[in-house]
Amino acid sequence: MKKFLFLLILVFSAISSKSQKVFSVEYASQADVKVFVVDYESRSDLCVYKVDYSSQAGKNDGNWFFVDYASQADKKIFFTDYASQADVLIYFVDYKSQAKWKNKEKMHIFY
């Protein structure tokens, strides 16, 4: 019973702690998600704001913190050269309040 309770707590804490700490990898084969940066917000699936501190990273809401090591990241991303190669199209915004999903059908990719 104690093992079951421990596993249950571990699963729920893993689900609730999904912050958006990302690491940019060098090769597409290393990535969990491939992204392409679009020129216009209207073409994006996700509007991303780069936060300054790890504690400010959001929970799949577009507030990203770029970590220094892959082992610290929740998701490893690769920036593609073409939109057709990407899983998600992103647009970097200037204000935290602008960060949001525009295409909610792709939200599952970052869980």
N, C-alpha and C. Protein backbone atom coordinates (compact mmCIF):
# COMPACT_ATOMS: atom_id res chain seq x y z
N MET A 1 0.82 -1.20 0.00
CA MET A 1 0.00 0.00 0.00
C MET A 1 0.87 1.27 0.00
N LYS A 2 1.94 1.24 0.77
CA LYS A 2 2.83 2.41 0.81
C LYS A 2 3.48 2.66 -0.54
N LYS A 3 3.86 1.58 -1.22
CA LYS A 3 4.47 1.73 -2.54
C LYS A 3 3.48 2.33 -3.53
N PHE A 4 2.25 1.88 -3.46
CA PHE A 4 1.21 2.40 -4.36
C PHE A 4 0.99 3.89 -4.10
N LEU A 5 0.90 4.27 -2.84
CA LEU A 5 0.70 5.67 -2.47
C LEU A 5 1.89 6.52 -2.94
N PHE A 6 3.10 6.00 -2.76
CA PHE A 6 4.29 6.71 -3.21
C PHE A 6 4.26 6.90 -4.73
N LEU A 7 3.92 5.87 -5.47
CA LEU A 7 3.84 5.97 -6.93
C LEU A 7 2.77 6.97 -7.36
N LEU A 8 1.65 6.96 -6.68
CA LEU A 8 0.57 7.88 -6.99
C LEU A 8 1.00 9.33 -6.78
N ILE A 9 1.65 9.60 -5.68
CA ILE A 9 2.16 10.94 -5.39
C ILE A 9 3.21 11.34 -6.41
N LEU A 10 4.07 10.42 -6.77
CA LEU A 10 5.12 10.70 -7.76
C LEU A 10 4.52 11.05 -9.12
N VAL A 11 3.51 10.33 -9.55
CA VAL A 11 2.86 10.59 -10.83
C VAL A 11 2.19 11.96 -10.83
N PHE A 12 1.45 12.27 -9.78
CA PHE A 12 0.76 13.55 -9.72
C PHE A 12 1.73 14.72 -9.64
N SER A 13 2.82 14.56 -8.94
CA SER A 13 3.79 15.66 -8.86
C SER A 13 4.50 15.84 -10.20
N ALA A 14 4.72 14.77 -10.94
CA ALA A 14 5.34 14.89 -12.25
C ALA A 14 4.40 15.60 -13.22
N ILE A 15 3.13 15.31 -13.14
CA ILE A 15 2.15 15.95 -14.01
C ILE A 15 2.03 17.43 -13.69
N SER A 16 1.99 17.78 -12.44
CA SER A 16 1.78 19.17 -12.05
C SER A 16 3.03 20.03 -12.18
N SER A 17 4.20 19.42 -12.33
CA SER A 17 5.44 20.21 -12.39
C SER A 17 5.96 20.39 -13.81
N LYS A 18 5.10 20.34 -14.79
CA LYS A 18 5.52 20.49 -16.17
C LYS A 18 5.74 21.96 -16.51
N SER A 19 6.87 22.46 -16.16
CA SER A 19 7.18 23.83 -16.54
C SER A 19 7.88 23.82 -17.89
N GLN A 20 8.03 24.96 -18.47
CA GLN A 20 8.59 25.05 -19.80
C GLN A 20 10.05 25.49 -19.74
N LYS A 21 10.88 24.60 -19.26
CA LYS A 21 12.31 24.81 -19.31
C LYS A 21 12.78 24.08 -20.56
N VAL A 22 13.37 24.83 -21.47
CA VAL A 22 13.73 24.25 -22.75
C VAL A 22 15.23 24.37 -23.00
N PHE A 23 15.71 23.46 -23.82
CA PHE A 23 17.11 23.45 -24.23
C PHE A 23 17.13 23.31 -25.74
N SER A 24 17.90 24.13 -26.39
CA SER A 24 18.01 24.11 -27.85
C SER A 24 19.13 23.14 -28.25
N VAL A 25 18.76 22.08 -28.97
CA VAL A 25 19.74 21.07 -29.39
C VAL A 25 20.27 21.40 -30.78
N GLU A 26 21.38 20.76 -31.12
CA GLU A 26 22.06 21.04 -32.38
C GLU A 26 21.50 20.26 -33.56
N TYR A 27 20.92 19.08 -33.27
CA TYR A 27 20.42 18.21 -34.34
C TYR A 27 18.96 17.85 -34.10
N ALA A 28 18.21 17.73 -35.17
CA ALA A 28 16.78 17.40 -35.08
C ALA A 28 16.54 16.07 -34.40
N SER A 29 17.44 15.13 -34.60
CA SER A 29 17.27 13.79 -34.01
C SER A 29 17.37 13.81 -32.48
N GLN A 30 17.94 14.86 -31.91
CA GLN A 30 18.07 14.98 -30.45
C GLN A 30 16.85 15.63 -29.81
N ALA A 31 15.98 16.19 -30.61
CA ALA A 31 14.89 17.02 -30.11
C ALA A 31 13.64 16.23 -29.75
N ASP A 32 12.93 16.74 -28.75
CA ASP A 32 11.59 16.25 -28.43
C ASP A 32 10.57 16.93 -29.34
N VAL A 33 10.84 18.21 -29.64
CA VAL A 33 9.93 19.02 -30.44
C VAL A 33 10.73 19.86 -31.43
N LYS A 34 10.25 19.91 -32.66
CA LYS A 34 10.88 20.77 -33.67
C LYS A 34 10.02 22.01 -33.84
N VAL A 35 10.67 23.17 -33.76
CA VAL A 35 9.93 24.44 -33.85
C VAL A 35 10.50 25.31 -34.97
N PHE A 36 9.64 26.17 -35.48
CA PHE A 36 10.05 27.15 -36.48
C PHE A 36 9.56 28.51 -36.03
N VAL A 37 10.42 29.50 -36.10
CA VAL A 37 10.06 30.86 -35.69
C VAL A 37 9.48 31.59 -36.90
N VAL A 38 8.23 32.00 -36.77
CA VAL A 38 7.56 32.71 -37.86
C VAL A 38 7.75 34.22 -37.70
N ASP A 39 7.51 34.94 -38.78
CA ASP A 39 7.70 36.40 -38.79
C ASP A 39 6.49 37.16 -38.26
N TYR A 40 5.33 36.52 -38.29
CA TYR A 40 4.10 37.20 -37.89
C TYR A 40 3.34 36.37 -36.87
N GLU A 41 2.83 37.04 -35.86
CA GLU A 41 2.08 36.36 -34.80
C GLU A 41 0.88 35.58 -35.36
N SER A 42 0.26 36.11 -36.38
CA SER A 42 -0.93 35.48 -36.95
C SER A 42 -0.65 34.11 -37.56
N ARG A 43 0.61 33.82 -37.89
CA ARG A 43 0.98 32.52 -38.46
C ARG A 43 1.39 31.51 -37.41
N SER A 44 1.46 31.91 -36.15
CA SER A 44 2.01 31.04 -35.11
C SER A 44 0.97 30.12 -34.48
N ASP A 45 1.49 29.03 -33.90
CA ASP A 45 0.70 28.14 -33.07
C ASP A 45 0.83 28.56 -31.61
N LEU A 46 2.00 29.10 -31.28
CA LEU A 46 2.32 29.45 -29.90
C LEU A 46 3.10 30.75 -29.87
N CYS A 47 2.67 31.67 -29.03
CA CYS A 47 3.41 32.91 -28.78
C CYS A 47 4.28 32.67 -27.55
N VAL A 48 5.58 32.87 -27.69
CA VAL A 48 6.54 32.54 -26.63
C VAL A 48 7.18 33.81 -26.08
N TYR A 49 7.26 33.84 -24.75
CA TYR A 49 8.00 34.91 -24.07
C TYR A 49 9.16 34.27 -23.34
N LYS A 50 10.37 34.80 -23.55
CA LYS A 50 11.55 34.28 -22.86
C LYS A 50 11.67 34.95 -21.50
N VAL A 51 11.53 34.16 -20.44
CA VAL A 51 11.64 34.69 -19.09
C VAL A 51 13.10 34.71 -18.66
N ASP A 52 13.39 35.51 -17.64
CA ASP A 52 14.77 35.68 -17.18
C ASP A 52 15.21 34.66 -16.14
N TYR A 53 14.25 34.08 -15.42
CA TYR A 53 14.59 33.16 -14.34
C TYR A 53 13.79 31.87 -14.46
N SER A 54 14.39 30.79 -14.03
CA SER A 54 13.77 29.48 -14.08
C SER A 54 12.43 29.45 -13.34
N SER A 55 12.36 30.17 -12.24
CA SER A 55 11.13 30.18 -11.43
C SER A 55 9.97 30.86 -12.13
N GLN A 56 10.25 31.62 -13.18
CA GLN A 56 9.19 32.31 -13.93
C GLN A 56 8.64 31.47 -15.08
N ALA A 57 9.25 30.33 -15.32
CA ALA A 57 8.80 29.48 -16.43
C ALA A 57 7.37 29.04 -16.19
N GLY A 58 6.59 29.05 -17.25
CA GLY A 58 5.18 28.71 -17.15
C GLY A 58 4.92 27.22 -17.24
N LYS A 59 3.66 26.89 -17.16
CA LYS A 59 3.22 25.50 -17.28
C LYS A 59 2.49 25.33 -18.59
N ASN A 60 3.25 25.23 -19.65
CA ASN A 60 2.73 25.07 -21.01
C ASN A 60 1.87 26.26 -21.42
N ASP A 61 2.32 27.44 -21.06
CA ASP A 61 1.58 28.65 -21.40
C ASP A 61 2.39 29.61 -22.28
N GLY A 62 3.57 29.17 -22.72
CA GLY A 62 4.38 30.00 -23.60
C GLY A 62 5.47 30.79 -22.91
N ASN A 63 5.59 30.67 -21.61
CA ASN A 63 6.66 31.33 -20.88
C ASN A 63 7.82 30.35 -20.76
N TRP A 64 8.86 30.56 -21.55
CA TRP A 64 9.98 29.63 -21.64
C TRP A 64 11.21 30.18 -20.96
N PHE A 65 11.94 29.26 -20.33
CA PHE A 65 13.25 29.57 -19.78
C PHE A 65 14.25 28.64 -20.47
N PHE A 66 15.25 29.22 -21.11
CA PHE A 66 16.26 28.42 -21.80
C PHE A 66 17.36 28.04 -20.81
N VAL A 67 17.52 26.75 -20.58
CA VAL A 67 18.51 26.24 -19.64
C VAL A 67 19.84 26.01 -20.34
N ASP A 68 20.89 25.85 -19.56
CA ASP A 68 22.23 25.70 -20.10
C ASP A 68 22.59 24.25 -20.47
N TYR A 69 21.87 23.31 -19.87
CA TYR A 69 22.18 21.89 -20.09
C TYR A 69 20.92 21.11 -20.41
N ALA A 70 21.04 20.14 -21.29
CA ALA A 70 19.90 19.33 -21.72
C ALA A 70 19.26 18.60 -20.55
N SER A 71 20.05 18.20 -19.58
CA SER A 71 19.52 17.46 -18.43
C SER A 71 18.60 18.32 -17.55
N GLN A 72 18.70 19.63 -17.66
CA GLN A 72 17.84 20.52 -16.88
C GLN A 72 16.51 20.80 -17.55
N ALA A 73 16.39 20.43 -18.81
CA ALA A 73 15.23 20.82 -19.61
C ALA A 73 14.06 19.85 -19.47
N ASP A 74 12.87 20.42 -19.58
CA ASP A 74 11.66 19.60 -19.67
C ASP A 74 11.46 19.16 -21.11
N LYS A 75 11.85 20.01 -22.04
CA LYS A 75 11.75 19.69 -23.48
C LYS A 75 13.00 20.16 -24.19
N LYS A 76 13.49 19.31 -25.08
CA LYS A 76 14.60 19.68 -25.94
C LYS A 76 14.00 20.07 -27.28
N ILE A 77 14.37 21.26 -27.77
CA ILE A 77 13.78 21.74 -29.01
C ILE A 77 14.87 21.94 -30.07
N PHE A 78 14.44 21.84 -31.31
CA PHE A 78 15.33 22.08 -32.44
C PHE A 78 14.66 23.12 -33.31
N PHE A 79 15.40 24.16 -33.67
CA PHE A 79 14.89 25.21 -34.54
C PHE A 79 15.12 24.79 -35.99
N THR A 80 14.04 24.59 -36.73
CA THR A 80 14.13 24.15 -38.11
C THR A 80 14.34 25.34 -39.05
N ASP A 81 14.76 25.03 -40.26
CA ASP A 81 14.96 26.06 -41.27
C ASP A 81 13.69 26.39 -42.05
N TYR A 82 12.75 25.44 -42.02
CA TYR A 82 11.51 25.61 -42.78
C TYR A 82 10.30 25.27 -41.93
N ALA A 83 9.22 25.98 -42.13
CA ALA A 83 7.99 25.77 -41.38
C ALA A 83 7.44 24.36 -41.57
N SER A 84 7.61 23.82 -42.75
CA SER A 84 7.08 22.48 -43.04
C SER A 84 7.78 21.37 -42.25
N GLN A 85 8.95 21.65 -41.71
CA GLN A 85 9.70 20.67 -40.93
C GLN A 85 9.32 20.69 -39.45
N ALA A 86 8.59 21.69 -39.03
CA ALA A 86 8.33 21.92 -37.60
C ALA A 86 7.05 21.24 -37.11
N ASP A 87 7.09 20.90 -35.83
CA ASP A 87 5.89 20.41 -35.14
C ASP A 87 5.03 21.58 -34.70
N VAL A 88 5.70 22.67 -34.31
CA VAL A 88 5.01 23.85 -33.77
C VAL A 88 5.64 25.11 -34.37
N LEU A 89 4.79 26.03 -34.77
CA LEU A 89 5.24 27.33 -35.26
C LEU A 89 5.16 28.31 -34.09
N ILE A 90 6.28 28.97 -33.79
CA ILE A 90 6.30 29.89 -32.65
C ILE A 90 6.61 31.31 -33.10
N TYR A 91 6.20 32.24 -32.26
CA TYR A 91 6.49 33.66 -32.48
C TYR A 91 6.93 34.22 -31.14
N PHE A 92 8.09 34.87 -31.09
CA PHE A 92 8.59 35.45 -29.85
C PHE A 92 7.94 36.81 -29.64
N VAL A 93 7.32 36.98 -28.46
CA VAL A 93 6.63 38.22 -28.13
C VAL A 93 7.47 39.05 -27.17
N ASP A 94 7.11 40.32 -27.03
CA ASP A 94 7.87 41.26 -26.21
C ASP A 94 7.40 41.33 -24.76
N TYR A 95 6.19 40.88 -24.50
CA TYR A 95 5.62 41.00 -23.15
C TYR A 95 5.07 39.66 -22.68
N LYS A 96 5.25 39.40 -21.39
CA LYS A 96 4.81 38.15 -20.79
C LYS A 96 3.30 37.93 -20.98
N SER A 97 2.54 38.99 -20.94
CA SER A 97 1.08 38.88 -21.07
C SER A 97 0.65 38.43 -22.47
N GLN A 98 1.53 38.50 -23.44
CA GLN A 98 1.21 38.09 -24.81
C GLN A 98 1.45 36.61 -25.07
N ALA A 99 2.13 35.94 -24.15
CA ALA A 99 2.44 34.52 -24.32
C ALA A 99 1.16 33.70 -24.20
N LYS A 100 0.91 32.86 -25.23
CA LYS A 100 -0.31 32.04 -25.21
C LYS A 100 -0.29 31.06 -26.38
N TRP A 101 -1.13 30.06 -26.25
CA TRP A 101 -1.36 29.13 -27.35
C TRP A 101 -2.42 29.72 -28.26
N LYS A 102 -2.14 29.72 -29.53
CA LYS A 102 -3.12 30.17 -30.52
C LYS A 102 -3.77 28.97 -31.20
N ASN A 103 -3.05 27.86 -31.25
CA ASN A 103 -3.58 26.61 -31.80
C ASN A 103 -3.56 25.57 -30.69
N LYS A 104 -4.63 25.48 -29.95
CA LYS A 104 -4.68 24.61 -28.78
C LYS A 104 -4.63 23.12 -29.13
N GLU A 105 -4.82 22.79 -30.39
CA GLU A 105 -4.73 21.39 -30.82
C GLU A 105 -3.30 20.85 -30.71
N LYS A 106 -2.33 21.74 -30.63
CA LYS A 106 -0.93 21.33 -30.54
C LYS A 106 -0.37 21.41 -29.13
N MET A 107 -1.18 21.75 -28.16
CA MET A 107 -0.72 21.88 -26.78
C MET A 107 -0.13 20.57 -26.24
N HIS A 108 -0.68 19.45 -26.67
CA HIS A 108 -0.24 18.15 -26.17
C HIS A 108 1.24 17.87 -26.48
N ILE A 109 1.78 18.53 -27.47
CA ILE A 109 3.17 18.29 -27.87
C ILE A 109 4.14 18.66 -26.74
N PHE A 110 3.78 19.65 -25.93
CA PHE A 110 4.67 20.09 -24.85
C PHE A 110 4.34 19.48 -23.49
N TYR A 111 3.47 18.49 -23.47
CA TYR A 111 3.20 17.79 -22.19
C TYR A 111 4.06 16.56 -22.09
